[in-house]
């Protein structure tokens, strides 16, 4: 009988750990989504006649960043994420 009780306690402990892990994963997923949806800062660096010209783009959402990236790269510039 003690073996059965021991196995039951181990099973409950495993279920408790699984529930804790689910909570950690849920909070982590929420944090990742929150960071992914916020506005970010970018820069475009273009070299003209040996001189680098850097333009900063602050607080861009995904659509604005995609448009600016395309414009930057169309003139041979390097598009870079500056901050989250």
Protein backbone atom coordinates (compact mmCIF):
# COMPACT_ATOMS: atom_id res chain seq x y z
CA UNK A 1 0.00 0.00 0.00
CA UNK A 2 2.77 2.53 0.77
CA UNK A 3 4.10 2.02 -2.77
CA UNK A 4 0.75 3.04 -4.26
CA UNK A 5 0.58 6.14 -2.06
CA UNK A 6 4.13 7.02 -2.98
CA UNK A 7 3.28 6.75 -6.69
CA UNK A 8 0.17 8.87 -6.20
CA UNK A 9 2.19 11.58 -4.47
CA UNK A 10 4.78 11.50 -7.26
CA UNK A 11 2.02 11.80 -9.86
CA UNK A 12 0.50 14.82 -8.06
CA UNK A 13 3.96 16.39 -7.83
CA UNK A 14 4.48 15.91 -11.55
CA UNK A 15 1.09 17.48 -12.33
CA UNK A 16 1.91 20.44 -10.09
CA UNK A 17 5.23 20.97 -11.88
CA UNK A 18 3.48 20.77 -15.26
CA UNK A 19 0.99 23.46 -14.19
CA UNK A 20 3.84 25.69 -13.01
CA UNK A 21 5.62 25.20 -16.34
CA UNK A 22 2.45 26.07 -18.25
CA UNK A 23 2.22 29.34 -16.32
CA UNK A 24 5.86 30.15 -17.06
CA UNK A 25 5.36 29.43 -20.76
CA UNK A 26 2.21 31.55 -20.87
CA UNK A 27 3.93 34.53 -19.24
CA UNK A 28 6.94 34.12 -21.53
CA UNK A 29 4.76 34.00 -24.63
CA UNK A 30 2.93 37.14 -23.53
CA UNK A 31 6.23 38.96 -22.96
CA UNK A 32 7.52 37.99 -26.41
CA UNK A 33 4.31 39.19 -28.06
CA UNK A 34 4.42 42.44 -26.14
CA UNK A 35 7.98 43.12 -27.28
CA UNK A 36 7.23 42.15 -30.86
CA UNK A 37 4.32 44.52 -31.17
CA UNK A 38 5.94 47.65 -29.74
CA UNK A 39 7.51 50.37 -31.82
CA UNK A 40 11.25 50.19 -32.40
CA UNK A 41 14.14 52.42 -33.42
CA UNK A 42 16.11 51.80 -36.62
CA UNK A 43 18.88 53.40 -38.62
CA UNK A 44 19.92 53.49 -42.24
CA UNK A 45 23.59 53.98 -43.09
CA UNK A 46 24.57 54.90 -46.65
CA UNK A 47 28.10 55.44 -47.93
CA UNK A 48 28.38 58.36 -50.38
CA UNK A 49 31.77 59.19 -51.91
CA UNK A 50 33.53 57.44 -49.00
CA UNK A 51 31.52 59.19 -46.28
CA UNK A 52 28.94 57.39 -44.17
CA UNK A 53 25.60 59.09 -43.70
CA UNK A 54 23.41 57.70 -40.95
CA UNK A 55 19.71 58.47 -40.63
CA UNK A 56 17.79 57.50 -37.50
CA UNK A 57 14.17 56.37 -37.56
CA UNK A 58 12.47 56.34 -34.17
CA UNK A 59 9.27 54.65 -32.97
CA UNK A 60 8.41 52.84 -36.21
CA UNK A 61 5.77 50.12 -36.30
CA UNK A 62 6.22 47.04 -38.51
CA UNK A 63 4.66 48.56 -41.64
CA UNK A 64 6.61 51.82 -41.38
CA UNK A 65 9.84 49.92 -40.73
CA UNK A 66 9.28 47.68 -43.77
CA UNK A 67 8.73 50.73 -46.01
CA UNK A 68 11.82 52.53 -44.71
CA UNK A 69 13.93 49.38 -44.97
CA UNK A 70 12.96 48.98 -48.61
CA UNK A 71 13.81 52.62 -49.32
CA UNK A 72 17.13 52.35 -47.47
CA UNK A 73 18.23 49.19 -49.23
CA UNK A 74 17.12 50.52 -52.63
CA UNK A 75 19.90 53.13 -52.44
CA UNK A 76 22.47 50.62 -51.18
CA UNK A 77 22.08 51.44 -47.50
CA UNK A 78 22.39 49.16 -44.50
CA UNK A 79 19.19 48.90 -42.42
CA UNK A 80 19.73 48.17 -38.72
CA UNK A 81 17.56 47.68 -35.63
CA UNK A 82 18.87 50.05 -32.96
CA UNK A 83 16.69 49.29 -29.95
CA UNK A 84 13.61 47.36 -28.82
